Protein backbone atom coordinates (compact mmCIF):
# COMPACT_ATOMS: atom_id res chain seq x y z
CA MET A 1 -5.72 -0.38 -3.73
CA THR A 2 -4.98 2.46 -2.03
CA LEU A 3 -4.21 2.69 1.33
CA ILE A 4 -5.97 6.33 1.67
CA CYS A 5 -7.07 5.59 5.23
CA LEU A 6 -3.96 5.03 7.02
CA ALA A 7 -1.82 7.84 4.65
CA VAL A 8 -4.92 10.38 5.89
CA LEU A 9 -4.35 8.84 9.44
CA LEU A 10 -1.16 7.42 10.58
CA PRO A 11 1.19 10.62 10.10
CA PRO A 12 -0.63 13.67 12.46
CA MET A 13 -0.92 10.86 14.74
CA GLY A 14 2.37 9.46 14.58
CA LEU A 15 3.80 13.43 14.32
CA ALA A 16 1.78 14.56 17.65
CA ALA A 17 2.81 11.58 19.29
CA ALA A 18 6.52 12.02 18.38
CA TYR A 19 6.20 15.85 19.25
CA GLY A 20 5.09 14.83 22.56
CA CYS A 21 7.93 12.33 23.46
CA TYR A 22 10.14 14.88 22.26
CA ARG A 23 8.88 17.54 24.24
CA ASN A 24 9.85 15.31 27.21
CA GLY A 25 12.97 14.57 26.18
CA ASP A 26 12.74 11.03 25.12
CA VAL A 27 13.46 11.41 21.66
CA GLU A 28 17.04 10.44 20.19
CA ILE A 29 17.15 12.61 17.00
CA GLN A 30 19.92 11.01 15.34
CA SER A 31 18.35 7.55 15.78
CA SER A 32 14.99 8.31 14.89
CA VAL A 33 16.18 9.97 11.49
CA LEU A 34 18.26 6.54 10.51
CA ILE A 35 15.36 4.83 11.49
CA ALA A 36 12.57 6.64 9.67
CA LEU A 37 15.22 6.88 6.01
CA GLY A 38 15.15 2.99 6.86
CA ILE A 39 11.47 2.27 6.96
CA LEU A 40 10.91 4.56 4.12
CA LEU A 41 13.97 2.56 1.75
CA GLY A 42 12.32 -0.80 2.88
CA ALA A 43 8.54 0.22 1.82
CA TRP A 44 9.81 1.55 -1.07
CA ALA A 45 12.22 -1.33 -2.00
CA GLY A 46 8.80 -4.23 -0.72
CA ALA A 47 6.45 -1.73 -2.87
CA GLN A 48 8.46 -2.44 -5.95
CA ARG A 49 9.24 -6.03 -5.32
CA ALA A 50 5.70 -6.71 -4.35
CA ARG A 51 4.91 -5.87 -7.73
CA ARG A 52 6.68 -9.27 -9.32
CA VAL A 53 5.02 -11.45 -7.09
CA PRO A 54 2.03 -13.25 -9.05
CA GLU A 55 -1.24 -12.25 -6.86
CA LEU A 56 -1.91 -15.86 -5.62
CA ARG A 57 1.20 -16.26 -3.98
CA PRO A 58 0.41 -13.98 -1.20
CA LYS A 59 -2.84 -15.43 -0.71
CA ILE A 60 -1.93 -18.69 -0.19
CA SER A 61 1.19 -18.14 2.23
CA PHE A 62 -1.20 -15.70 4.35
CA GLY A 63 -3.73 -18.62 4.88
CA LEU A 64 -1.06 -20.91 5.82
CA PHE A 65 0.43 -18.82 8.46
CA ILE A 66 -3.27 -18.58 9.72
CA ILE A 67 -4.08 -22.39 9.51
CA GLY A 68 -0.42 -22.42 11.34
CA VAL A 69 -1.06 -20.26 14.04
CA GLY A 70 -4.36 -21.42 14.70
CA LYS A 71 -2.84 -25.06 14.99
CA TRP A 72 -0.08 -23.62 17.46
CA LEU A 73 -3.42 -21.97 19.40
CA VAL A 74 -5.29 -25.31 19.80
CA THR A 75 -2.27 -27.00 20.93
CA GLN A 76 -1.31 -24.45 23.28
CA ALA A 77 -4.68 -24.46 24.90
CA CYS A 78 -5.03 -28.73 24.84
CA GLY A 79 -1.85 -28.46 26.90
CA GLN A 80 -2.90 -26.22 29.44
CA ASN A 81 -5.88 -28.14 30.06
CA ARG A 82 -4.02 -30.99 30.47
CA ALA A 83 -2.06 -29.60 33.80
């Protein structure tokens, strides 16, 4: 699977937004660099781990998560109607 659209759109938009904030003096360079390095290392490590996970496991996990969120939303909606 490739994420061409994300790879093409995200860097120019993100860089433009970051540059605008930098011009306004709203960017801490040292913190930004450390966070960016953490994101890169985390993404790389996650991708390496994801290669070893059987294909069905994330599908089942995501499905159970969606069912849980749906149940929570219904419970919240029913609770609001009683008040």
